[in-house]
Amino acid sequence: MLPGVFQAPHPIAAILALVELMETSTASTVTGLATELTLARQLLVDTQSSLGVRAGCQLWERFFALSGGGQVDSSPFLLPYDKERFEAEEPELMGRQEFPAYKRSLISQGRSFCAITAPQCREKIAALAVDFLRDDCTVRFPSAVPLQHG
């Protein structure tokens, strides 16, 4: 690892990659953004063998779908979805005036999750698990960032 370079856990890195894609996206509709996110997710999962990358992508897609970027049905994640039907409904669901604010909100929530919520969860899990661990035992975490006990 390079000095001074932050190395995020794989699920968080995947979410950040999708959030950064949203920031640079020129899509002007929810459907366009969903299509770009689907293609990016496929690329990430196809080029990274990490289960954490897949989990992070699925978590972000689920959040995106539940926030109005798609619909959730019996399948765990709906991207890609019925594009023709959604495009027909999209003008009623999300006006072009509202889309930039919606996109900014998703980006903000994604960054907040990665910077605040996920680390807090890791700390809480570590605090709850510490009573179950003996001194000098070895614990394996499938993550790029080691937990510190102090």
N, C-alpha and C. Protein backbone atom coordinates (compact mmCIF):
# COMPACT_ATOMS: atom_id res chain seq x y z
N MET A 1 0.84 -1.18 0.00
CA MET A 1 0.00 0.00 0.00
C MET A 1 0.89 1.24 0.00
N LEU A 2 0.52 2.23 -0.77
CA LEU A 2 1.29 3.47 -0.84
C LEU A 2 1.05 4.31 0.41
N PRO A 3 2.09 4.98 0.92
CA PRO A 3 1.90 5.82 2.10
C PRO A 3 0.89 6.93 1.82
N GLY A 4 -0.01 7.15 2.78
CA GLY A 4 -0.98 8.23 2.66
C GLY A 4 -2.17 7.92 1.77
N VAL A 5 -2.23 6.68 1.23
CA VAL A 5 -3.34 6.30 0.36
C VAL A 5 -4.35 5.53 1.18
N PHE A 6 -5.59 6.00 1.16
CA PHE A 6 -6.67 5.33 1.88
C PHE A 6 -7.10 4.11 1.09
N GLN A 7 -7.13 2.97 1.75
CA GLN A 7 -7.57 1.75 1.10
C GLN A 7 -8.86 1.30 1.78
N ALA A 8 -9.97 1.49 1.10
CA ALA A 8 -11.29 1.18 1.65
C ALA A 8 -11.58 -0.31 1.55
N PRO A 9 -12.41 -0.82 2.45
CA PRO A 9 -12.89 -2.21 2.30
C PRO A 9 -13.58 -2.35 0.95
N HIS A 10 -13.55 -3.53 0.38
CA HIS A 10 -14.09 -3.74 -0.96
C HIS A 10 -15.54 -3.28 -1.14
N PRO A 11 -16.47 -3.57 -0.21
CA PRO A 11 -17.84 -3.10 -0.43
C PRO A 11 -17.92 -1.57 -0.47
N ILE A 12 -17.17 -0.91 0.38
CA ILE A 12 -17.19 0.56 0.42
C ILE A 12 -16.54 1.13 -0.84
N ALA A 13 -15.45 0.51 -1.29
CA ALA A 13 -14.80 0.97 -2.52
C ALA A 13 -15.74 0.84 -3.71
N ALA A 14 -16.52 -0.24 -3.76
CA ALA A 14 -17.47 -0.42 -4.85
C ALA A 14 -18.55 0.66 -4.82
N ILE A 15 -19.07 0.94 -3.63
CA ILE A 15 -20.09 1.98 -3.51
C ILE A 15 -19.51 3.34 -3.91
N LEU A 16 -18.31 3.64 -3.44
CA LEU A 16 -17.68 4.92 -3.80
C LEU A 16 -17.46 5.02 -5.31
N ALA A 17 -17.09 3.91 -5.94
CA ALA A 17 -16.90 3.93 -7.40
C ALA A 17 -18.22 4.25 -8.11
N LEU A 18 -19.32 3.67 -7.63
CA LEU A 18 -20.62 3.94 -8.25
C LEU A 18 -21.09 5.37 -7.95
N VAL A 19 -20.78 5.87 -6.76
CA VAL A 19 -21.12 7.26 -6.43
C VAL A 19 -20.32 8.21 -7.31
N GLU A 20 -19.04 7.94 -7.50
CA GLU A 20 -18.23 8.79 -8.37
C GLU A 20 -18.71 8.74 -9.81
N LEU A 21 -19.18 7.58 -10.24
CA LEU A 21 -19.77 7.49 -11.58
C LEU A 21 -20.98 8.43 -11.66
N MET A 22 -21.81 8.44 -10.62
CA MET A 22 -22.97 9.32 -10.62
C MET A 22 -22.56 10.78 -10.69
N GLU A 23 -21.48 11.13 -10.00
CA GLU A 23 -21.01 12.52 -10.01
C GLU A 23 -20.57 12.96 -11.40
N THR A 24 -19.97 12.07 -12.15
CA THR A 24 -19.46 12.44 -13.47
C THR A 24 -20.46 12.14 -14.59
N SER A 25 -21.55 11.49 -14.24
CA SER A 25 -22.54 11.10 -15.24
C SER A 25 -23.19 12.32 -15.90
N THR A 26 -23.42 12.21 -17.18
CA THR A 26 -24.14 13.26 -17.91
C THR A 26 -25.58 12.85 -18.15
N ALA A 27 -26.00 11.74 -17.56
CA ALA A 27 -27.39 11.29 -17.71
C ALA A 27 -28.33 12.38 -17.20
N SER A 28 -29.43 12.57 -17.91
CA SER A 28 -30.38 13.60 -17.50
C SER A 28 -31.70 13.01 -17.04
N THR A 29 -31.76 11.67 -16.95
CA THR A 29 -32.97 11.01 -16.48
C THR A 29 -32.59 9.88 -15.52
N VAL A 30 -33.55 9.44 -14.74
CA VAL A 30 -33.33 8.32 -13.85
C VAL A 30 -33.00 7.07 -14.65
N THR A 31 -33.70 6.89 -15.76
CA THR A 31 -33.45 5.72 -16.61
C THR A 31 -32.02 5.72 -17.14
N GLY A 32 -31.54 6.86 -17.59
CA GLY A 32 -30.17 6.95 -18.08
C GLY A 32 -29.16 6.66 -17.00
N LEU A 33 -29.40 7.20 -15.81
CA LEU A 33 -28.50 6.96 -14.68
C LEU A 33 -28.52 5.48 -14.28
N ALA A 34 -29.71 4.89 -14.25
CA ALA A 34 -29.83 3.47 -13.89
C ALA A 34 -29.07 2.60 -14.89
N THR A 35 -29.16 2.94 -16.17
CA THR A 35 -28.45 2.18 -17.20
C THR A 35 -26.95 2.28 -16.99
N GLU A 36 -26.44 3.48 -16.72
CA GLU A 36 -25.01 3.65 -16.47
C GLU A 36 -24.56 2.88 -15.23
N LEU A 37 -25.37 2.92 -14.17
CA LEU A 37 -25.02 2.20 -12.94
C LEU A 37 -25.00 0.69 -13.18
N THR A 38 -25.93 0.19 -13.97
CA THR A 38 -25.97 -1.23 -14.28
C THR A 38 -24.73 -1.66 -15.04
N LEU A 39 -24.34 -0.87 -16.04
CA LEU A 39 -23.14 -1.19 -16.81
C LEU A 39 -21.89 -1.14 -15.93
N ALA A 40 -21.82 -0.14 -15.06
CA ALA A 40 -20.66 -0.02 -14.16
C ALA A 40 -20.61 -1.18 -13.18
N ARG A 41 -21.76 -1.57 -12.66
CA ARG A 41 -21.81 -2.70 -11.74
C ARG A 41 -21.33 -3.97 -12.44
N GLN A 42 -21.79 -4.19 -13.66
CA GLN A 42 -21.36 -5.37 -14.40
C GLN A 42 -19.85 -5.37 -14.62
N LEU A 43 -19.31 -4.21 -14.95
CA LEU A 43 -17.87 -4.10 -15.16
C LEU A 43 -17.10 -4.37 -13.87
N LEU A 44 -17.54 -3.78 -12.76
CA LEU A 44 -16.87 -4.00 -11.48
C LEU A 44 -16.89 -5.47 -11.08
N VAL A 45 -18.06 -6.09 -11.17
CA VAL A 45 -18.20 -7.48 -10.75
C VAL A 45 -17.42 -8.41 -11.69
N ASP A 46 -17.40 -8.09 -12.98
CA ASP A 46 -16.69 -8.93 -13.94
C ASP A 46 -15.17 -8.81 -13.82
N THR A 47 -14.67 -7.68 -13.34
CA THR A 47 -13.22 -7.47 -13.29
C THR A 47 -12.64 -7.65 -11.88
N GLN A 48 -13.48 -7.74 -10.87
CA GLN A 48 -13.01 -7.92 -9.50
C GLN A 48 -13.57 -9.23 -8.95
N SER A 49 -12.72 -10.06 -8.41
CA SER A 49 -13.17 -11.36 -7.91
C SER A 49 -13.69 -11.29 -6.47
N SER A 50 -13.69 -10.13 -5.88
CA SER A 50 -14.07 -9.98 -4.48
C SER A 50 -15.58 -10.09 -4.27
N LEU A 51 -15.95 -10.92 -3.32
CA LEU A 51 -17.35 -11.00 -2.93
C LEU A 51 -17.81 -9.66 -2.34
N GLY A 52 -16.89 -8.95 -1.70
CA GLY A 52 -17.21 -7.64 -1.13
C GLY A 52 -17.59 -6.62 -2.19
N VAL A 53 -16.94 -6.67 -3.35
CA VAL A 53 -17.29 -5.76 -4.45
C VAL A 53 -18.71 -6.05 -4.90
N ARG A 54 -19.03 -7.32 -5.06
CA ARG A 54 -20.39 -7.71 -5.47
C ARG A 54 -21.41 -7.24 -4.42
N ALA A 55 -21.08 -7.43 -3.14
CA ALA A 55 -22.00 -7.04 -2.07
C ALA A 55 -22.21 -5.52 -2.05
N GLY A 56 -21.13 -4.77 -2.21
CA GLY A 56 -21.25 -3.31 -2.23
C GLY A 56 -22.10 -2.83 -3.40
N CYS A 57 -21.89 -3.43 -4.57
CA CYS A 57 -22.68 -3.06 -5.75
C CYS A 57 -24.15 -3.38 -5.53
N GLN A 58 -24.43 -4.55 -4.97
CA GLN A 58 -25.81 -4.93 -4.73
C GLN A 58 -26.47 -4.03 -3.69
N LEU A 59 -25.73 -3.66 -2.67
CA LEU A 59 -26.28 -2.76 -1.66
C LEU A 59 -26.63 -1.40 -2.27
N TRP A 60 -25.72 -0.86 -3.09
CA TRP A 60 -25.99 0.44 -3.72
C TRP A 60 -27.15 0.35 -4.70
N GLU A 61 -27.22 -0.73 -5.47
CA GLU A 61 -28.35 -0.89 -6.40
C GLU A 61 -29.67 -0.99 -5.65
N ARG A 62 -29.67 -1.68 -4.55
CA ARG A 62 -30.89 -1.80 -3.74
C ARG A 62 -31.31 -0.42 -3.23
N PHE A 63 -30.35 0.32 -2.72
CA PHE A 63 -30.64 1.68 -2.24
C PHE A 63 -31.18 2.55 -3.37
N PHE A 64 -30.54 2.48 -4.53
CA PHE A 64 -30.95 3.27 -5.68
C PHE A 64 -32.37 2.90 -6.10
N ALA A 65 -32.68 1.61 -6.17
CA ALA A 65 -34.01 1.16 -6.57
C ALA A 65 -35.07 1.61 -5.56
N LEU A 66 -34.76 1.50 -4.28
CA LEU A 66 -35.75 1.88 -3.26
C LEU A 66 -35.93 3.39 -3.16
N SER A 67 -34.96 4.15 -3.65
CA SER A 67 -35.07 5.60 -3.57
C SER A 67 -35.76 6.20 -4.79
N GLY A 68 -36.23 5.35 -5.69
CA GLY A 68 -36.95 5.84 -6.86
C GLY A 68 -36.22 5.63 -8.16
N GLY A 69 -35.06 5.01 -8.12
CA GLY A 69 -34.29 4.80 -9.34
C GLY A 69 -34.65 3.53 -10.07
N GLY A 70 -35.62 2.84 -9.61
CA GLY A 70 -36.07 1.60 -10.23
C GLY A 70 -37.19 1.08 -9.39
N GLN A 71 -37.65 -0.09 -9.68
CA GLN A 71 -38.68 -0.66 -8.83
C GLN A 71 -38.16 -1.95 -8.26
N VAL A 72 -38.65 -2.29 -7.08
CA VAL A 72 -38.22 -3.52 -6.44
C VAL A 72 -39.39 -4.50 -6.53
N ASP A 73 -39.10 -5.69 -7.01
CA ASP A 73 -40.13 -6.72 -7.04
C ASP A 73 -39.60 -7.94 -6.34
N SER A 74 -40.01 -9.12 -6.75
CA SER A 74 -39.58 -10.32 -6.06
C SER A 74 -38.10 -10.62 -6.26
N SER A 75 -37.48 -10.07 -7.30
CA SER A 75 -36.05 -10.29 -7.48
C SER A 75 -35.31 -9.39 -6.49
N PRO A 76 -34.16 -9.85 -5.98
CA PRO A 76 -33.47 -9.05 -4.96
C PRO A 76 -33.04 -7.68 -5.46
N PHE A 77 -32.66 -7.56 -6.72
CA PHE A 77 -32.22 -6.28 -7.26
C PHE A 77 -32.78 -6.16 -8.66
N LEU A 78 -33.36 -5.04 -8.96
CA LEU A 78 -34.10 -4.93 -10.20
C LEU A 78 -33.36 -4.23 -11.31
N LEU A 79 -32.14 -3.83 -11.14
CA LEU A 79 -31.45 -3.21 -12.25
C LEU A 79 -30.76 -4.31 -13.04
N PRO A 80 -30.97 -4.48 -14.30
CA PRO A 80 -31.84 -3.70 -15.16
C PRO A 80 -33.30 -4.06 -14.96
N TYR A 81 -34.18 -3.14 -15.26
CA TYR A 81 -35.61 -3.32 -15.07
C TYR A 81 -36.32 -3.16 -16.41
N ASP A 82 -37.64 -3.16 -16.39
CA ASP A 82 -38.43 -3.03 -17.61
C ASP A 82 -38.29 -1.61 -18.13
N LYS A 83 -37.30 -1.40 -18.98
CA LYS A 83 -36.92 -0.07 -19.43
C LYS A 83 -38.06 0.66 -20.14
N GLU A 84 -38.76 -0.02 -21.04
CA GLU A 84 -39.83 0.64 -21.80
C GLU A 84 -40.95 1.11 -20.88
N ARG A 85 -41.36 0.25 -19.94
CA ARG A 85 -42.44 0.64 -19.03
C ARG A 85 -42.01 1.79 -18.13
N PHE A 86 -40.76 1.74 -17.63
CA PHE A 86 -40.32 2.79 -16.73
C PHE A 86 -40.17 4.13 -17.46
N GLU A 87 -39.67 4.08 -18.70
CA GLU A 87 -39.55 5.32 -19.47
C GLU A 87 -40.90 5.96 -19.70
N ALA A 88 -41.94 5.13 -19.88
CA ALA A 88 -43.28 5.67 -20.08
C ALA A 88 -43.80 6.33 -18.81
N GLU A 89 -43.41 5.80 -17.65
CA GLU A 89 -43.88 6.35 -16.38
C GLU A 89 -42.99 7.46 -15.84
N GLU A 90 -41.73 7.50 -16.29
CA GLU A 90 -40.73 8.39 -15.70
C GLU A 90 -41.13 9.86 -15.65
N PRO A 91 -41.76 10.44 -16.69
CA PRO A 91 -42.11 11.86 -16.60
C PRO A 91 -43.02 12.16 -15.41
N GLU A 92 -43.86 11.22 -15.05
CA GLU A 92 -44.75 11.43 -13.92
C GLU A 92 -44.01 11.25 -12.60
N LEU A 93 -43.01 10.39 -12.60
CA LEU A 93 -42.30 10.09 -11.36
C LEU A 93 -41.20 11.09 -11.04
N MET A 94 -40.54 11.60 -12.06
CA MET A 94 -39.38 12.45 -11.81
C MET A 94 -39.27 13.49 -12.92
N GLY A 95 -39.66 14.71 -12.66
CA GLY A 95 -39.54 15.75 -13.66
C GLY A 95 -38.08 16.09 -13.89
N ARG A 96 -37.77 16.59 -15.07
CA ARG A 96 -36.38 16.95 -15.37
C ARG A 96 -35.85 18.02 -14.42
N GLN A 97 -36.74 18.87 -13.90
CA GLN A 97 -36.32 19.91 -12.96
C GLN A 97 -35.85 19.28 -11.64
N GLU A 98 -36.47 18.18 -11.25
CA GLU A 98 -36.17 17.55 -9.96
C GLU A 98 -34.98 16.60 -10.02
N PHE A 99 -34.63 16.12 -11.20
CA PHE A 99 -33.59 15.11 -11.32
C PHE A 99 -32.23 15.55 -10.76
N PRO A 100 -31.73 16.75 -11.06
CA PRO A 100 -30.42 17.13 -10.49
C PRO A 100 -30.41 17.11 -8.95
N ALA A 101 -31.49 17.56 -8.32
CA ALA A 101 -31.55 17.54 -6.86
C ALA A 101 -31.59 16.10 -6.34
N TYR A 102 -32.33 15.26 -7.03
CA TYR A 102 -32.41 13.83 -6.67
C TYR A 102 -31.02 13.19 -6.77
N LYS A 103 -30.32 13.47 -7.84
CA LYS A 103 -28.99 12.91 -8.06
C LYS A 103 -28.01 13.40 -6.99
N ARG A 104 -28.05 14.71 -6.68
CA ARG A 104 -27.18 15.25 -5.63
C ARG A 104 -27.47 14.59 -4.28
N SER A 105 -28.75 14.35 -4.00
CA SER A 105 -29.13 13.72 -2.74
C SER A 105 -28.57 12.30 -2.65
N LEU A 106 -28.67 11.54 -3.74
CA LEU A 106 -28.12 10.18 -3.74
C LEU A 106 -26.61 10.19 -3.52
N ILE A 107 -25.94 11.10 -4.20
CA ILE A 107 -24.48 11.21 -4.06
C ILE A 107 -24.12 11.55 -2.61
N SER A 108 -24.81 12.51 -2.04
CA SER A 108 -24.56 12.91 -0.66
C SER A 108 -24.80 11.75 0.31
N GLN A 109 -25.89 11.04 0.12
CA GLN A 109 -26.19 9.91 0.99
C GLN A 109 -25.17 8.78 0.83
N GLY A 110 -24.72 8.55 -0.39
CA GLY A 110 -23.71 7.52 -0.62
C GLY A 110 -22.40 7.86 0.06
N ARG A 111 -21.97 9.10 -0.07
CA ARG A 111 -20.72 9.53 0.58
C ARG A 111 -20.86 9.48 2.11
N SER A 112 -22.00 9.90 2.61
CA SER A 112 -22.24 9.86 4.06
C SER A 112 -22.21 8.42 4.58
N PHE A 113 -22.84 7.52 3.85
CA PHE A 113 -22.83 6.11 4.26
C PHE A 113 -21.39 5.60 4.35
N CYS A 114 -20.59 5.88 3.33
CA CYS A 114 -19.22 5.38 3.28
C CYS A 114 -18.32 6.02 4.33
N ALA A 115 -18.53 7.31 4.60
CA ALA A 115 -17.65 8.04 5.51
C ALA A 115 -18.06 7.92 6.97
N ILE A 116 -19.36 7.79 7.23
CA ILE A 116 -19.85 7.85 8.62
C ILE A 116 -20.51 6.56 9.06
N THR A 117 -21.55 6.14 8.35
CA THR A 117 -22.35 5.01 8.79
C THR A 117 -21.57 3.70 8.80
N ALA A 118 -20.89 3.36 7.71
CA ALA A 118 -20.16 2.09 7.65
C ALA A 118 -19.08 2.00 8.72
N PRO A 119 -18.24 3.04 8.92
CA PRO A 119 -17.25 2.95 10.00
C PRO A 119 -17.88 2.81 11.39
N GLN A 120 -19.00 3.50 11.61
CA GLN A 120 -19.68 3.36 12.90
C GLN A 120 -20.17 1.94 13.12
N CYS A 121 -20.68 1.33 12.06
CA CYS A 121 -21.13 -0.06 12.16
C CYS A 121 -19.97 -0.99 12.47
N ARG A 122 -18.84 -0.76 11.81
CA ARG A 122 -17.66 -1.59 12.06
C ARG A 122 -17.22 -1.47 13.52
N GLU A 123 -17.22 -0.25 14.03
CA GLU A 123 -16.83 -0.04 15.43
C GLU A 123 -17.82 -0.72 16.39
N LYS A 124 -19.10 -0.63 16.08
CA LYS A 124 -20.12 -1.24 16.94
C LYS A 124 -19.97 -2.76 16.94
N ILE A 125 -19.74 -3.34 15.77
CA ILE A 125 -19.53 -4.79 15.69
C ILE A 125 -18.29 -5.19 16.48
N ALA A 126 -17.23 -4.41 16.34
CA ALA A 126 -15.99 -4.70 17.09
C ALA A 126 -16.24 -4.62 18.59
N ALA A 127 -16.98 -3.61 19.04
CA ALA A 127 -17.25 -3.45 20.47
C ALA A 127 -18.09 -4.62 21.00
N LEU A 128 -19.04 -5.08 20.20
CA LEU A 128 -19.87 -6.19 20.64
C LEU A 128 -19.11 -7.52 20.61
N ALA A 129 -18.16 -7.66 19.71
CA ALA A 129 -17.42 -8.91 19.56
C ALA A 129 -16.27 -9.04 20.53
N VAL A 130 -15.80 -7.95 21.11
CA VAL A 130 -14.59 -7.99 21.93
C VAL A 130 -14.75 -8.93 23.15
N ASP A 131 -15.95 -9.06 23.69
CA ASP A 131 -16.14 -9.94 24.84
C ASP A 131 -16.06 -11.43 24.46
N PHE A 132 -16.18 -11.73 23.17
CA PHE A 132 -16.14 -13.12 22.72
C PHE A 132 -14.73 -13.56 22.34
N LEU A 133 -13.79 -12.65 22.32
CA LEU A 133 -12.45 -12.97 21.86
C LEU A 133 -11.50 -13.10 23.04
N ARG A 134 -10.62 -14.08 22.95
CA ARG A 134 -9.60 -14.27 23.99
C ARG A 134 -8.35 -13.48 23.60
N ASP A 135 -7.55 -13.14 24.58
CA ASP A 135 -6.27 -12.48 24.30
C ASP A 135 -5.42 -13.39 23.42
N ASP A 136 -4.66 -12.79 22.53
CA ASP A 136 -3.74 -13.46 21.63
C ASP A 136 -4.40 -14.39 20.61
N CYS A 137 -5.70 -14.27 20.42
CA CYS A 137 -6.32 -15.07 19.36
C CYS A 137 -6.20 -14.32 18.03
N THR A 138 -6.27 -15.05 16.96
CA THR A 138 -6.17 -14.46 15.63
C THR A 138 -7.56 -14.39 15.03
N VAL A 139 -7.92 -13.21 14.54
CA VAL A 139 -9.23 -13.01 13.92
C VAL A 139 -8.98 -12.54 12.50
N ARG A 140 -9.63 -13.19 11.55
CA ARG A 140 -9.47 -12.83 10.15
C ARG A 140 -10.67 -12.00 9.71
N PHE A 141 -10.40 -10.81 9.19
CA PHE A 141 -11.43 -9.93 8.66
C PHE A 141 -11.22 -9.82 7.15
N PRO A 142 -12.23 -10.15 6.34
CA PRO A 142 -12.08 -10.03 4.88
C PRO A 142 -12.25 -8.59 4.44
N SER A 143 -11.32 -7.75 4.88
CA SER A 143 -11.42 -6.32 4.62
C SER A 143 -10.03 -5.75 4.42
N ALA A 144 -9.98 -4.63 3.71
CA ALA A 144 -8.70 -3.99 3.46
C ALA A 144 -8.25 -3.13 4.63
N VAL A 145 -9.14 -2.79 5.52
CA VAL A 145 -8.83 -1.89 6.63
C VAL A 145 -8.93 -2.67 7.93
N PRO A 146 -7.84 -2.83 8.67
CA PRO A 146 -7.90 -3.59 9.92
C PRO A 146 -8.63 -2.80 11.01
N LEU A 147 -9.37 -3.53 11.83
CA LEU A 147 -10.03 -2.91 12.99
C LEU A 147 -8.98 -2.73 14.07
N GLN A 148 -9.09 -1.67 14.81
CA GLN A 148 -8.15 -1.44 15.90
C GLN A 148 -8.89 -1.55 17.21
N HIS A 149 -8.32 -2.26 18.11
CA HIS A 149 -8.91 -2.40 19.45
C HIS A 149 -8.07 -1.58 20.41
N GLY A 150 -8.74 -0.73 21.16
CA GLY A 150 -7.93 0.12 22.01
C GLY A 150 -8.57 0.57 23.23
